[in-house]
Protein backbone atom coordinates (compact mmCIF):
# COMPACT_ATOMS: atom_id res chain seq x y z
CA MET A 1 26.74 -17.31 -10.38
CA ALA A 2 27.93 -15.32 -7.38
CA GLN A 3 31.51 -14.30 -7.12
CA SER A 4 33.86 -15.09 -4.39
CA ALA A 5 33.82 -11.60 -2.88
CA LYS A 6 32.16 -11.48 0.48
CA SER A 7 31.02 -8.42 2.48
CA SER A 8 28.94 -7.65 5.50
CA THR A 9 26.50 -4.77 6.33
CA GLU A 10 24.08 -3.76 9.07
CA VAL A 11 20.96 -4.05 6.78
CA LEU A 12 20.65 -5.58 3.34
CA VAL A 13 17.78 -4.50 1.27
CA LEU A 14 16.86 -6.95 -1.46
CA GLY A 15 15.09 -5.32 -4.47
CA ALA A 16 15.30 -2.07 -6.67
CA GLY A 17 11.53 -0.89 -6.83
CA PRO A 18 9.94 1.94 -4.75
CA ALA A 19 9.45 -0.10 -1.54
CA ALA A 20 13.01 -1.14 -1.57
CA SER A 21 14.26 2.37 -2.05
CA LEU A 22 12.30 3.99 0.46
CA ALA A 23 12.93 1.49 3.02
CA ALA A 24 16.70 1.81 2.52
CA ILE A 25 16.30 5.67 2.50
CA ARG A 26 14.35 5.67 5.89
CA LEU A 27 16.83 3.13 7.39
CA ALA A 28 19.64 5.09 6.43
CA ARG A 29 18.45 8.35 7.72
CA ALA A 30 17.91 6.61 11.00
CA GLY A 31 21.53 5.80 11.20
CA ALA A 32 21.87 2.32 9.93
CA HIS A 33 24.42 1.11 7.50
CA VAL A 34 22.26 -0.17 4.41
CA HIS A 35 23.18 -1.92 1.49
CA LEU A 36 20.66 -2.15 -1.39
CA ILE A 37 21.27 -4.84 -3.96
CA GLY A 38 18.86 -5.44 -7.00
CA ARG A 39 18.22 -4.17 -10.59
CA PRO A 40 15.07 -2.23 -11.57
CA ASP A 41 12.64 -3.84 -14.20
CA PRO A 42 13.96 -2.57 -17.48
CA ARG A 43 10.47 -2.79 -19.04
CA PRO A 44 8.42 0.33 -19.83
CA ARG A 45 5.58 0.57 -17.12
CA ILE A 46 3.11 3.29 -16.54
CA GLU A 47 1.09 3.18 -13.31
CA GLY A 48 -1.46 5.44 -11.55
CA ALA A 49 -0.70 7.28 -8.33
CA SER A 50 -3.16 9.33 -6.08
CA PRO A 51 -2.30 12.70 -4.87
CA ARG A 52 -1.10 11.35 -1.50
CA VAL A 53 1.52 9.45 -3.18
CA VAL A 54 3.00 12.33 -4.83
CA ALA A 55 2.76 14.18 -1.53
CA LEU A 56 4.46 11.12 0.30
CA LEU A 57 7.45 11.23 -2.18
CA ARG A 58 7.95 14.89 -2.02
CA HIS A 59 7.73 15.00 1.76
CA GLU A 60 10.78 12.42 1.33
CA GLY A 61 12.71 14.84 -0.77
CA LEU A 62 12.05 13.52 -4.17
CA ASP A 63 11.81 15.99 -6.97
CA THR A 64 11.14 13.63 -9.90
CA GLU A 65 9.93 13.84 -13.61
CA ALA A 66 8.23 10.46 -13.19
CA PHE A 67 4.73 11.93 -12.35
CA GLY A 68 2.59 13.48 -14.88
CA PRO A 69 0.13 16.10 -14.21
CA PRO A 70 -3.17 14.92 -12.37
CA LEU A 71 -5.56 13.65 -15.14
CA ARG A 72 -9.35 13.19 -14.63
CA ARG A 73 -10.19 9.47 -14.29
CA ARG A 74 -13.38 8.16 -15.98
CA ALA A 75 -15.03 4.81 -14.89
CA ASP A 76 -17.25 2.92 -17.12
CA TRP A 77 -18.31 0.50 -14.25
CA ALA A 78 -21.62 -0.39 -13.24
CA GLY A 79 -22.29 1.14 -9.83
CA LEU A 80 -19.27 3.43 -9.74
CA PRO A 81 -20.24 7.17 -9.17
CA ALA A 82 -20.15 9.19 -12.33
CA ALA A 83 -17.87 11.95 -10.71
CA PRO A 84 -14.29 11.44 -12.03
CA ASN A 85 -11.46 11.24 -9.55
CA THR A 86 -7.88 12.21 -10.49
CA GLU A 87 -4.61 10.28 -10.66
CA HIS A 88 -1.16 10.91 -11.63
CA PRO A 89 0.28 8.58 -14.42
CA VAL A 90 3.75 7.56 -13.13
CA ASP A 91 6.62 6.28 -15.39
CA ARG A 92 8.12 3.57 -13.15
CA GLN A 93 11.44 3.43 -15.08
CA VAL A 94 11.93 7.18 -14.04
CA LEU A 95 10.39 6.76 -10.66
CA ASP A 96 12.86 3.75 -9.92
CA ARG A 97 15.80 5.56 -11.06
CA ASP A 98 15.23 8.80 -9.13
CA LEU A 99 14.53 6.85 -6.03
CA LEU A 100 17.59 4.96 -6.23
CA GLU A 101 19.54 8.02 -6.70
CA LEU A 102 17.91 9.37 -3.67
CA ALA A 103 18.90 6.33 -1.84
CA ARG A 104 22.53 6.90 -2.84
CA ALA A 105 22.33 10.63 -1.70
CA SER A 106 20.95 9.45 1.68
CA GLY A 107 24.13 7.20 2.22
CA VAL A 108 22.79 3.77 0.92
CA ARG A 109 25.25 1.65 -0.72
CA VAL A 110 23.52 0.76 -4.01
CA THR A 111 24.67 -2.38 -6.09
CA PRO A 112 22.94 -3.36 -9.31
CA ALA A 113 23.35 -7.15 -9.30
CA GLU A 114 21.19 -10.32 -9.38
CA ILE A 115 20.07 -12.13 -6.21
CA ALA A 116 20.62 -15.84 -6.53
CA SER A 117 19.49 -17.18 -3.01
CA VAL A 118 19.06 -15.93 0.47
CA ARG A 119 19.98 -18.42 3.30
CA GLY A 120 19.54 -17.16 6.84
CA PRO A 121 21.78 -13.82 7.14
CA VAL A 122 23.43 -14.53 3.99
CA ALA A 123 22.50 -13.43 0.43
CA SER A 124 24.40 -15.04 -2.34
CA THR A 125 24.46 -12.34 -5.42
CA SER A 126 26.03 -11.78 -8.60
CA ALA A 127 28.24 -9.38 -6.79
CA GLY A 128 29.30 -11.75 -4.07
CA GLU A 129 28.00 -13.05 -0.79
CA ILE A 130 26.72 -10.43 1.61
CA ARG A 131 26.12 -11.14 5.38
CA ALA A 132 23.64 -9.00 7.15
CA ARG A 133 22.34 -8.18 10.69
CA HIS A 134 18.81 -7.69 9.09
CA ILE A 135 17.43 -8.31 5.79
CA VAL A 136 14.64 -6.53 4.31
CA GLU A 137 12.93 -8.42 1.56
CA ALA A 138 11.55 -6.06 -1.09
CA ARG A 139 11.70 -7.96 -4.48
CA GLY A 140 7.88 -7.73 -4.87
CA ARG A 141 6.09 -10.68 -6.38
CA ARG A 142 9.64 -12.30 -7.21
CA ALA A 143 10.04 -12.92 -3.47
CA PRO A 144 9.53 -16.42 -2.22
CA SER A 145 6.20 -17.44 -0.63
CA THR A 146 5.81 -19.15 2.78
CA GLU A 147 3.69 -22.00 3.45
CA ARG A 148 0.62 -20.17 4.44
CA ALA A 149 0.51 -17.60 1.70
CA GLN A 150 -2.92 -16.69 0.18
CA ARG A 151 -3.76 -15.51 -3.14
CA GLY A 152 -6.76 -14.58 -5.26
CA PRO A 153 -7.99 -16.16 -8.48
CA ALA A 154 -5.14 -15.98 -10.92
CA THR A 155 -5.13 -12.94 -12.97
CA ILE A 156 -2.60 -11.53 -15.56
CA ALA A 157 -2.01 -8.04 -16.93
CA ILE A 158 -0.88 -7.29 -20.20
CA ALA A 159 0.30 -3.67 -21.15
CA GLY A 160 2.15 -1.26 -23.28
CA TRP A 161 2.10 1.81 -25.43
CA VAL A 162 -0.09 1.75 -28.48
CA ALA A 163 -0.98 4.16 -31.27
CA GLY A 164 -3.95 6.53 -30.30
CA ALA A 165 -6.35 5.08 -33.02
CA GLY A 166 -5.38 7.88 -35.46
CA ASP A 167 -6.72 10.79 -33.21
CA ARG A 168 -5.64 12.73 -30.42
CA GLN A 169 -7.80 12.38 -27.37
CA ALA A 170 -7.85 14.84 -24.47
CA PRO A 171 -5.45 13.67 -21.61
CA GLY A 172 -7.12 11.40 -19.08
CA THR A 173 -7.36 8.04 -17.68
CA ALA A 174 -10.34 5.49 -18.01
CA LEU A 175 -11.30 2.18 -16.26
CA VAL A 176 -13.77 0.01 -18.22
CA ALA A 177 -15.29 -3.30 -17.36
CA THR A 178 -15.82 -5.94 -20.09
CA PRO A 179 -17.16 -9.16 -20.21
CA LEU A 180 -13.74 -10.96 -20.10
CA GLY A 181 -11.87 -8.55 -17.58
CA TRP A 182 -11.05 -4.90 -17.37
CA GLN A 183 -9.01 -2.09 -19.18
CA TRP A 184 -7.06 0.79 -17.85
CA ARG A 185 -5.81 3.23 -20.23
CA VAL A 186 -3.86 6.55 -20.11
CA GLU A 187 -4.53 9.06 -22.97
CA THR A 188 -1.53 11.36 -23.19
CA GLY A 189 -2.79 13.72 -25.73
CA THR A 190 -0.05 13.19 -28.21
CA GLY A 191 -1.64 10.24 -30.03
CA ARG A 192 -0.01 7.63 -27.79
CA ARG A 193 -1.85 5.78 -25.27
CA TRP A 194 -1.10 3.41 -22.49
CA VAL A 195 -3.37 0.44 -22.27
CA GLN A 196 -3.34 -2.28 -19.83
CA ILE A 197 -5.72 -5.14 -19.75
CA CYS A 198 -6.45 -7.46 -16.86
CA LEU A 199 -8.03 -11.02 -17.44
CA ASP A 200 -8.12 -14.59 -16.23
CA ALA A 201 -4.83 -16.23 -16.31
CA SER A 202 -6.01 -19.01 -18.31
CA ALA A 203 -6.40 -16.70 -21.29
CA ALA A 204 -2.64 -16.66 -21.64
CA LYS A 205 -2.27 -20.33 -22.56
CA TYR A 206 -1.85 -19.49 -26.10
CA GLY A 207 0.44 -16.63 -25.49
CA ALA A 208 -0.02 -12.81 -24.51
CA ALA A 209 -0.56 -11.49 -28.15
CA ALA A 210 -3.49 -14.25 -28.31
CA ALA A 211 -4.92 -13.16 -25.29
CA TRP A 212 -4.61 -9.40 -26.22
CA ALA A 213 -6.41 -10.09 -29.54
CA VAL A 214 -9.27 -11.96 -27.91
CA PHE A 215 -9.83 -9.25 -25.38
CA HIS A 216 -10.15 -6.46 -28.03
CA ALA A 217 -12.31 -8.59 -30.15
CA GLN A 218 -15.12 -8.19 -27.85
CA PRO A 219 -18.37 -6.00 -28.93
CA GLY A 220 -17.77 -2.62 -27.82
CA VAL A 221 -14.05 -2.75 -27.03
CA THR A 222 -11.92 -0.41 -29.43
CA PRO A 223 -9.52 -2.69 -31.28
CA GLN A 224 -5.82 -2.00 -30.05
CA ALA A 225 -2.52 -3.15 -31.81
CA PHE A 226 -0.59 -5.72 -29.61
CA PRO A 227 2.22 -3.52 -27.96
CA ALA A 228 5.79 -4.22 -28.95
CA GLY A 229 7.57 -6.23 -26.22
CA ALA A 230 4.26 -6.79 -24.11
CA ARG A 231 3.98 -9.86 -22.01
CA ALA A 232 1.70 -11.36 -19.54
CA ARG A 233 2.45 -10.83 -15.70
CA ALA A 234 0.69 -12.09 -12.70
CA CYS A 235 -1.30 -9.38 -11.04
CA GLU A 236 -3.73 -11.12 -8.52
CA LEU A 237 -3.84 -9.90 -4.94
CA ARG A 238 -1.36 -11.86 -2.72
CA LEU A 239 -0.38 -12.42 1.00
CA THR A 240 3.00 -13.88 0.67
CA ALA A 241 4.02 -14.04 4.28
CA PRO A 242 1.18 -13.90 6.79
CA ARG A 243 3.68 -14.12 9.81
CA LEU A 244 6.34 -11.73 10.60
CA ASP A 245 9.87 -13.27 10.10
CA PRO A 246 12.13 -10.97 12.31
CA ALA A 247 15.20 -12.37 10.13
CA ARG A 248 13.68 -11.28 6.85
CA LEU A 249 11.37 -8.35 7.11
CA ARG A 250 8.98 -7.90 4.17
CA VAL A 251 7.75 -4.70 2.70
CA GLY A 252 5.79 -3.64 -0.56
CA ASP A 253 4.65 -6.35 -2.99
CA ALA A 254 6.94 -9.02 -1.10
CA ALA A 255 4.42 -8.67 1.85
CA VAL A 256 1.16 -7.93 0.13
CA ALA A 257 0.65 -7.55 -3.57
CA ILE A 258 -2.22 -5.45 -4.27
CA ASP A 259 -4.69 -6.19 -7.20
CA PRO A 260 -4.13 -3.07 -9.57
CA LEU A 261 -7.85 -2.66 -9.83
CA SER A 262 -7.44 -0.76 -6.50
CA GLY A 263 -5.17 1.61 -7.37
CA HIS A 264 -3.67 1.40 -4.19
CA GLY A 265 -0.62 -0.64 -5.03
CA LEU A 266 2.04 2.26 -5.10
CA PHE A 267 0.69 3.86 -1.81
CA TRP A 268 0.84 0.43 -0.11
CA ALA A 269 4.27 -0.09 -1.43
CA LEU A 270 5.56 3.23 -0.09
CA SER A 271 3.66 3.08 3.07
CA SER A 272 4.72 -0.38 4.17
CA ALA A 273 8.42 0.68 3.66
CA LEU A 274 7.91 3.08 6.25
CA MET A 275 7.41 0.36 8.68
CA ALA A 276 11.03 -0.94 8.43
CA PRO A 277 12.70 1.31 10.73
CA PRO A 278 10.25 1.05 13.72
CA LEU A 279 9.96 -2.71 13.11
CA LEU A 280 13.78 -3.37 13.12
CA ALA A 281 14.07 -1.13 16.12
CA ALA A 282 11.48 -2.89 18.24
CA ILE A 283 12.80 -6.40 17.12
CA ASP A 284 16.66 -5.03 18.36
CA ALA A 285 15.14 -3.67 21.44
CA GLY A 286 13.55 -7.26 22.48
CA ARG A 287 10.03 -6.11 21.64
CA GLU A 288 9.33 -8.54 19.07
CA ASP A 289 5.81 -9.11 20.53
CA LEU A 290 5.15 -5.39 19.36
CA ALA A 291 6.50 -6.00 16.10
CA ARG A 292 4.43 -9.15 15.39
CA ARG A 293 1.25 -7.47 16.48
CA PHE A 294 1.90 -4.22 14.36
CA HIS A 295 2.83 -6.40 11.40
CA ALA A 296 -0.49 -8.24 11.62
CA ASP A 297 -2.45 -5.16 11.65
CA ARG A 298 -0.72 -3.58 8.94
CA VAL A 299 0.06 -6.48 6.59
CA THR A 300 -2.46 -9.25 7.19
CA GLU A 301 -5.27 -6.70 7.80
CA THR A 302 -4.44 -4.73 4.42
CA PHE A 303 -4.62 -8.15 2.57
CA TRP A 304 -8.21 -9.12 3.89
CA ARG A 305 -9.35 -5.59 3.49
CA GLN A 306 -8.24 -5.21 0.00
CA ALA A 307 -9.59 -8.65 -1.00
CA ARG A 308 -12.96 -7.76 0.16
CA ILE A 309 -12.96 -4.23 -1.37
CA SER A 310 -11.89 -5.91 -4.71
CA ARG A 311 -14.74 -8.57 -4.29
CA ASP A 312 -17.28 -5.81 -3.92
CA PHE A 313 -15.97 -4.03 -7.04
CA HIS A 314 -16.13 -7.19 -8.87
CA ALA A 315 -19.75 -7.95 -7.80
CA LEU A 316 -20.65 -4.75 -9.49
CA ALA A 317 -19.50 -5.73 -12.63
CA ALA A 318 -20.73 -9.05 -12.24
CA ALA A 319 -24.33 -7.98 -11.88
CA VAL A 320 -23.91 -6.60 -15.48
CA HIS A 321 -21.60 -9.04 -17.28
CA GLY A 322 -22.36 -12.30 -15.32
CA THR A 323 -19.41 -14.15 -16.98
CA ALA A 324 -17.04 -16.62 -15.36
CA PHE A 325 -14.34 -13.91 -14.75
CA TRP A 326 -16.65 -11.80 -12.62
CA ARG A 327 -18.60 -14.57 -10.97
CA VAL A 328 -15.41 -16.26 -9.45
CA ARG A 329 -13.96 -12.89 -8.10
CA ALA A 330 -17.28 -11.51 -7.01
CA THR A 331 -17.26 -14.38 -4.24
CA TRP A 332 -13.55 -14.47 -3.27
CA PRO A 333 -12.54 -14.53 -0.52
CA ASP A 334 -15.73 -14.80 1.45
CA ALA A 335 -18.86 -13.08 2.33
CA LEU A 336 -17.53 -10.92 5.44
CA PRO A 337 -17.66 -7.09 5.15
CA ALA A 338 -14.90 -5.17 3.92
CA HIS A 339 -14.82 -2.97 6.91
CA ALA A 340 -15.88 -3.88 10.44
CA GLU A 341 -19.56 -2.74 11.05
CA ARG A 342 -19.78 -0.39 13.97
CA THR A 343 -22.62 1.69 15.17
CA ALA A 344 -20.96 3.42 18.15
CA PRO A 345 -17.38 4.37 19.09
CA GLU A 346 -15.33 1.61 20.80
CA SER A 347 -11.88 1.72 22.31
CA ALA A 348 -9.09 -1.04 21.72
CA ARG A 349 -5.54 -1.58 22.91
CA LYS A 350 -3.33 -1.79 19.81
CA VAL A 351 0.12 -1.15 18.78
CA ILE A 352 0.74 2.21 17.21
CA LEU A 353 3.72 4.30 16.15
CA ARG A 354 4.60 7.26 18.20
CA ASP A 355 7.44 9.49 17.54
CA GLY A 356 9.11 6.56 15.30
CA VAL A 357 8.55 3.99 18.40
CA LEU A 358 6.25 1.05 18.41
CA THR A 359 4.17 1.05 21.59
CA GLU A 360 0.95 0.04 22.95
CA ALA A 361 -2.00 2.58 23.17
CA GLU A 362 -5.70 2.90 23.39
CA VAL A 363 -7.04 3.78 20.07
CA LEU A 364 -10.82 4.62 19.14
CA LEU A 365 -12.58 2.56 16.68
CA THR A 366 -15.40 4.30 14.82
CA PRO A 367 -17.88 3.43 11.90
CA GLN A 368 -15.70 5.85 9.90
CA GLU A 369 -12.31 4.47 11.10
CA PRO A 370 -13.07 0.79 11.68
CA ALA A 371 -9.14 -0.32 11.96
CA GLY A 372 -8.76 2.37 14.76
CA ALA A 373 -7.41 6.16 15.02
CA ALA A 374 -4.66 6.83 17.52
CA PHE A 375 -4.04 10.59 16.38
CA VAL A 376 -6.35 13.23 14.67
CA ARG A 377 -4.14 15.73 12.76
CA GLY A 378 -1.37 14.78 14.93
CA LEU A 379 -3.25 15.09 18.16
CA PRO A 380 -3.26 12.07 20.47
CA LEU A 381 -6.59 10.57 21.33
CA ALA A 382 -5.28 8.34 24.37
CA PRO A 383 -5.54 11.27 26.86
CA VAL A 384 -9.20 11.64 25.71
CA LEU A 385 -9.88 7.97 26.01
CA ASP A 386 -8.04 7.94 29.37
CA ARG A 387 -10.11 10.52 30.91
CA PHE A 388 -13.58 9.86 29.35
CA GLY A 389 -13.44 6.60 27.91
CA THR A 390 -15.90 6.36 24.91
CA GLY A 391 -18.10 8.83 26.45
CA PRO A 392 -20.19 10.69 27.38
CA LEU A 393 -18.39 13.66 26.84
CA PRO A 394 -18.92 16.92 28.97
CA GLU A 395 -19.82 20.24 26.88
CA ALA A 396 -16.76 22.01 24.93
CA ALA A 397 -15.82 24.33 27.64
CA ASP A 398 -15.53 21.61 30.43
CA PHE A 399 -13.85 19.07 27.92
CA ALA A 400 -11.17 21.68 27.34
CA ALA A 401 -10.62 22.62 31.03
CA ALA A 402 -10.29 18.71 31.82
CA LEU A 403 -7.60 18.38 29.24
CA PRO A 404 -4.94 21.18 29.71
CA GLN A 405 -2.30 19.55 27.58
CA PHE A 406 -4.36 20.72 24.51
CA SER A 407 -4.77 24.28 23.57
CA PRO A 408 -8.32 25.75 23.57
CA ALA A 409 -8.35 25.51 19.72
CA GLU A 410 -7.01 21.77 19.75
CA ALA A 411 -9.46 20.83 22.34
CA GLY A 412 -12.40 22.36 20.42
CA PHE A 413 -11.30 20.54 17.28
CA LEU A 414 -11.15 17.14 19.10
CA HIS A 415 -14.49 17.71 20.65
CA ALA A 416 -16.08 18.27 17.52
CA TRP A 417 -14.46 15.35 15.74
CA LEU A 418 -15.34 13.13 18.60
CA ALA A 419 -19.01 14.00 18.37
CA SER A 420 -19.06 13.69 14.58
CA ARG A 421 -17.93 10.07 15.23
CA GLY A 422 -20.95 9.29 17.40
CA MET A 423 -19.42 10.01 20.78
CA PRO A 424 -22.24 11.08 22.99
CA VAL A 425 -22.00 14.77 24.60
CA ALA A 426 -23.90 15.23 27.83
CA GLY A 427 -23.40 16.02 31.60
CA PRO A 428 -20.74 17.45 33.77
CA VAL A 429 -16.85 16.41 33.79
CA PRO A 430 -16.97 12.69 35.36
CA PRO A 431 -14.66 12.02 38.30
CA PHE A 432 -11.26 10.99 37.09
CA GLN A 433 -10.83 7.38 37.01
CA PRO A 434 -7.79 6.07 35.05
CA MET A 435 -8.42 3.26 32.82
CA GLU A 436 -6.39 0.05 33.25
CA THR A 437 -4.15 0.93 30.59
CA GLN A 438 -1.63 3.68 30.36
CA PRO A 439 -2.37 6.80 28.12
CA VAL A 440 -0.48 7.72 25.31
CA GLU A 441 2.04 10.54 26.18
CA THR A 442 1.46 13.97 24.54
CA GLN A 443 3.86 15.16 21.97
CA PRO A 444 6.69 17.30 23.41
């Protein structure tokens, strides 16, 4: 029950996971008074992180022991390439702790407390009532859904540490498809392994231990003892709130909860947290229209793209196993392609982030960048689109002369990149005819 104490703050962040902490850190560094309230999940949890996640957090100043060394990832999945990728095993307990410490060091007030309810600008918590000008919802899958929420076929994950079957496997990770679902495991090389299984939620009707036993009784699946303290948790893909709520900005799993099959969950949680400062700044500046469009591009489109990518991975396994688990997931959510199918570059006007501020600009849609590219290695494409549209481009020397805001090396790189994306190269420099929209200003 909430205590009688009352306080106020400029921004209240609900949650204590990576998305909550990074959103709070970025907002505090932008000058806001931020209060983060929540408790990290106390259960052991290992996740996989791509090298770009590690790079992102180190760029933010996090020096953590949560990341293990990069391990080779083997996939026993029909249709997937045999060449392994690498991923870092991440100890979420350590990562959550270290991010909260970085938040404190960045000026965030951190209160470990339970959140009972949120009504308008007021949150009732076990530490009292807190009124805020802005609320950032980052409680993951515990965040309440809206009436237009979307979710995939109900799926559960059961995970924990198990003995290494009496031997010491070489360190690495493995992803394995089975008739009843899939397994991800981390071999530490110490005789312990982390095992996570994902299967239909109906399998848990007799309890997590029974579901674990049935999964590991399948032919060809190595039996594993049920991990102490393991329990089933929902892990299907979810779009919790399709529309932006200016009074309660959502980041991380509270906005889109990613199916762990994609390996994209931690990156999404962190990258979505980076949206918080520019979105709140746009709302404060009276540009809610920009915030809504940017939110739709980032949040809603992420959900549908990830849903269709997961569908295609499930379809590969369905072709081999053909069980109900795979058949259902091989057809959800629809039959549309995961990425827009383009045969030639096109331009479109979108909301982008430039110098930390949301603004409208022309972006280039290509077969390789179907969602659009506004910058290439930090170089804005808008001046090129304003000058030449989608082509044809002049030869490299004339291209560089027509765009003096770029150095010769930068212009040469852009010319080569645009040609690689299918932009035609032919003819002299065309007469200057400004497009209807204003170009993106170059960086100072």
